[in-house]
N, C-alpha and C. Protein backbone atom coordinates (compact mmCIF):
# COMPACT_ATOMS: atom_id res chain seq x y z
N UNK A 1 116.11 91.23 119.68
CA UNK A 1 115.45 92.42 119.15
C UNK A 1 115.76 92.53 117.66
N UNK A 2 114.78 92.96 116.93
CA UNK A 2 114.91 93.11 115.48
C UNK A 2 114.63 94.56 115.11
N UNK A 3 115.52 95.15 114.33
CA UNK A 3 115.30 96.53 113.86
C UNK A 3 114.83 96.47 112.41
N UNK A 4 113.69 97.08 112.14
CA UNK A 4 113.13 97.10 110.79
C UNK A 4 113.58 98.40 110.15
N UNK A 5 114.28 98.29 109.01
CA UNK A 5 114.86 99.48 108.37
C UNK A 5 114.16 99.80 107.05
N UNK A 6 114.36 101.02 106.61
CA UNK A 6 113.75 101.48 105.36
C UNK A 6 114.48 100.86 104.16
N UNK A 7 113.73 100.24 103.25
CA UNK A 7 114.35 99.65 102.06
C UNK A 7 114.70 100.69 100.99
N UNK A 8 114.10 101.89 101.11
CA UNK A 8 114.31 102.95 100.12
C UNK A 8 114.35 104.31 100.82
N UNK A 9 114.85 105.31 100.13
CA UNK A 9 114.76 106.70 100.59
C UNK A 9 113.37 107.22 100.24
N UNK A 10 112.75 107.93 101.15
CA UNK A 10 111.41 108.45 100.88
C UNK A 10 110.86 109.19 102.07
N UNK A 11 109.54 109.11 102.22
CA UNK A 11 108.83 109.79 103.31
C UNK A 11 107.94 108.78 104.02
N UNK A 12 107.85 108.87 105.35
CA UNK A 12 106.93 108.02 106.10
C UNK A 12 105.52 108.54 105.84
N UNK A 13 104.71 107.72 105.15
CA UNK A 13 103.36 108.14 104.79
C UNK A 13 102.39 107.79 105.92
N UNK A 14 102.48 106.55 106.44
CA UNK A 14 101.54 106.13 107.48
C UNK A 14 102.20 105.09 108.37
N UNK A 15 101.98 105.22 109.67
CA UNK A 15 102.45 104.23 110.64
C UNK A 15 101.24 103.37 111.03
N UNK A 16 101.36 102.07 110.81
CA UNK A 16 100.22 101.16 110.98
C UNK A 16 100.17 100.49 112.36
N UNK A 17 101.19 100.69 113.20
CA UNK A 17 101.25 100.03 114.51
C UNK A 17 101.46 101.06 115.61
N UNK A 18 101.20 100.62 116.84
CA UNK A 18 101.43 101.46 118.02
C UNK A 18 102.45 100.76 118.92
N UNK A 19 103.08 101.52 119.79
CA UNK A 19 104.01 100.97 120.76
C UNK A 19 103.30 99.89 121.57
N UNK A 20 103.94 98.75 121.72
CA UNK A 20 103.36 97.66 122.50
C UNK A 20 102.52 96.69 121.71
N UNK A 21 102.22 97.01 120.44
CA UNK A 21 101.42 96.09 119.61
C UNK A 21 102.18 94.79 119.37
N UNK A 22 101.47 93.68 119.37
CA UNK A 22 102.03 92.40 118.93
C UNK A 22 101.79 92.30 117.43
N UNK A 23 102.82 91.91 116.69
CA UNK A 23 102.69 91.82 115.23
C UNK A 23 103.10 90.43 114.76
N UNK A 24 102.53 90.03 113.64
CA UNK A 24 102.87 88.75 113.01
C UNK A 24 103.85 88.99 111.87
N UNK A 25 104.59 87.96 111.52
CA UNK A 25 105.47 88.02 110.37
C UNK A 25 104.67 88.41 109.14
N UNK A 26 105.16 89.39 108.37
CA UNK A 26 104.49 89.81 107.16
C UNK A 26 103.46 90.92 107.36
N UNK A 27 103.17 91.27 108.62
CA UNK A 27 102.22 92.35 108.89
C UNK A 27 102.84 93.69 108.51
N UNK A 28 102.06 94.57 107.88
CA UNK A 28 102.56 95.89 107.51
C UNK A 28 102.73 96.75 108.76
N UNK A 29 103.94 97.31 108.91
CA UNK A 29 104.25 98.17 110.05
C UNK A 29 104.15 99.64 109.67
N UNK A 30 104.75 99.97 108.53
CA UNK A 30 104.85 101.36 108.08
C UNK A 30 104.63 101.37 106.58
N UNK A 31 104.01 102.44 106.08
CA UNK A 31 103.90 102.62 104.63
C UNK A 31 104.75 103.83 104.26
N UNK A 32 105.69 103.61 103.35
CA UNK A 32 106.56 104.68 102.88
C UNK A 32 106.07 105.18 101.54
N UNK A 33 106.38 106.42 101.23
CA UNK A 33 106.10 106.96 99.90
C UNK A 33 107.45 107.30 99.27
N UNK A 34 107.67 106.76 98.10
CA UNK A 34 108.92 107.00 97.38
C UNK A 34 108.60 107.11 95.89
N UNK A 35 108.99 108.18 95.29
CA UNK A 35 108.75 108.41 93.86
C UNK A 35 107.27 108.22 93.51
N UNK A 36 106.38 108.79 94.34
CA UNK A 36 104.93 108.77 94.13
C UNK A 36 104.31 107.38 94.27
N UNK A 37 105.08 106.42 94.81
CA UNK A 37 104.55 105.07 95.02
C UNK A 37 104.50 104.77 96.51
N UNK A 38 103.45 104.08 96.93
CA UNK A 38 103.35 103.63 98.31
C UNK A 38 104.06 102.29 98.44
N UNK A 39 104.86 102.14 99.49
CA UNK A 39 105.63 100.92 99.68
C UNK A 39 105.45 100.42 101.11
N UNK A 40 104.73 99.31 101.33
CA UNK A 40 104.57 98.79 102.69
C UNK A 40 105.87 98.16 103.19
N UNK A 41 106.16 98.39 104.45
CA UNK A 41 107.31 97.75 105.10
C UNK A 41 106.73 96.77 106.12
N UNK A 42 107.08 95.48 105.95
CA UNK A 42 106.47 94.42 106.74
C UNK A 42 107.39 93.91 107.83
N UNK A 43 106.79 93.33 108.86
CA UNK A 43 107.55 92.72 109.95
C UNK A 43 108.28 91.48 109.42
N UNK A 44 109.58 91.35 109.69
CA UNK A 44 110.33 90.18 109.23
C UNK A 44 110.05 88.94 110.07
N UNK A 45 109.46 89.15 111.25
CA UNK A 45 109.18 88.05 112.18
C UNK A 45 108.10 88.50 113.16
N UNK A 46 107.59 87.54 113.94
CA UNK A 46 106.64 87.89 115.00
C UNK A 46 107.37 88.66 116.08
N UNK A 47 106.66 89.55 116.75
CA UNK A 47 107.28 90.27 117.84
C UNK A 47 106.35 91.31 118.42
N UNK A 48 106.91 92.11 119.30
CA UNK A 48 106.16 93.19 119.95
C UNK A 48 106.88 94.50 119.63
N UNK A 49 106.11 95.52 119.25
CA UNK A 49 106.69 96.81 118.89
C UNK A 49 107.26 97.46 120.15
N UNK A 50 108.59 97.61 120.20
CA UNK A 50 109.25 98.19 121.38
C UNK A 50 109.68 99.63 121.13
N UNK A 51 109.75 100.02 119.86
CA UNK A 51 110.12 101.41 119.54
C UNK A 51 109.60 101.76 118.16
N UNK A 52 109.10 102.98 118.03
CA UNK A 52 108.77 103.54 116.72
C UNK A 52 109.70 104.74 116.57
N UNK A 53 110.64 104.63 115.64
CA UNK A 53 111.74 105.60 115.54
C UNK A 53 111.46 106.75 114.58
N UNK A 54 110.29 106.73 113.94
CA UNK A 54 109.96 107.76 112.95
C UNK A 54 108.56 108.31 113.23
N UNK A 55 108.22 109.39 112.55
CA UNK A 55 106.86 109.94 112.64
C UNK A 55 106.33 110.15 111.23
N UNK A 56 105.01 110.22 111.11
CA UNK A 56 104.40 110.40 109.80
C UNK A 56 104.83 111.74 109.22
N UNK A 57 105.18 111.71 107.92
CA UNK A 57 105.64 112.91 107.24
C UNK A 57 107.14 113.11 107.27
N UNK A 58 107.83 112.28 108.05
CA UNK A 58 109.28 112.41 108.19
C UNK A 58 110.00 111.87 106.95
N UNK A 59 111.00 112.61 106.50
CA UNK A 59 111.85 112.14 105.40
C UNK A 59 112.85 111.15 105.97
N UNK A 60 113.04 110.03 105.28
CA UNK A 60 113.97 109.00 105.75
C UNK A 60 114.90 108.59 104.60
N UNK A 61 116.04 108.03 105.00
CA UNK A 61 117.02 107.52 104.06
C UNK A 61 116.99 105.99 104.09
N UNK A 62 117.40 105.38 103.00
CA UNK A 62 117.51 103.93 102.95
C UNK A 62 118.40 103.47 104.11
N UNK A 63 117.93 102.46 104.85
CA UNK A 63 118.70 101.94 105.97
C UNK A 63 118.35 102.53 107.32
N UNK A 64 117.59 103.63 107.34
CA UNK A 64 117.17 104.21 108.62
C UNK A 64 116.26 103.23 109.36
N UNK A 65 116.40 103.17 110.69
CA UNK A 65 115.54 102.32 111.51
C UNK A 65 114.15 102.96 111.59
N UNK A 66 113.13 102.17 111.30
CA UNK A 66 111.75 102.62 111.36
C UNK A 66 111.09 102.17 112.66
N UNK A 67 111.19 100.86 112.93
CA UNK A 67 110.52 100.23 114.07
C UNK A 67 111.46 99.17 114.65
N UNK A 68 111.43 99.03 115.98
CA UNK A 68 112.15 97.93 116.64
C UNK A 68 111.14 96.95 117.21
N UNK A 69 111.43 95.66 117.06
CA UNK A 69 110.57 94.59 117.58
C UNK A 69 111.33 93.79 118.62
N UNK A 70 110.64 93.41 119.68
CA UNK A 70 111.22 92.49 120.69
C UNK A 70 110.61 91.12 120.51
C-alpha cells in the first residue's frame, strides 16, 4: 500500500479520483491550492484507490495523507 501525502500546506481544491479507481503512475489524484496556485498531486505508482482521506475544501498540512493506493 502506498500513501500519497500533501507536498505543501494548503486547501484541497479538487479530488480527481473515486474510491476503487485504478490509476497509472503520474496520474493526477488531487489538486491542491496553496498561495493562490493550483498544485496537482500525482500517483507515485500504479494502483487502486483504497482510501480518500480528505474532502474538497478541506485545509491540509504538509505531510497529511490525501489518498491511499493498493
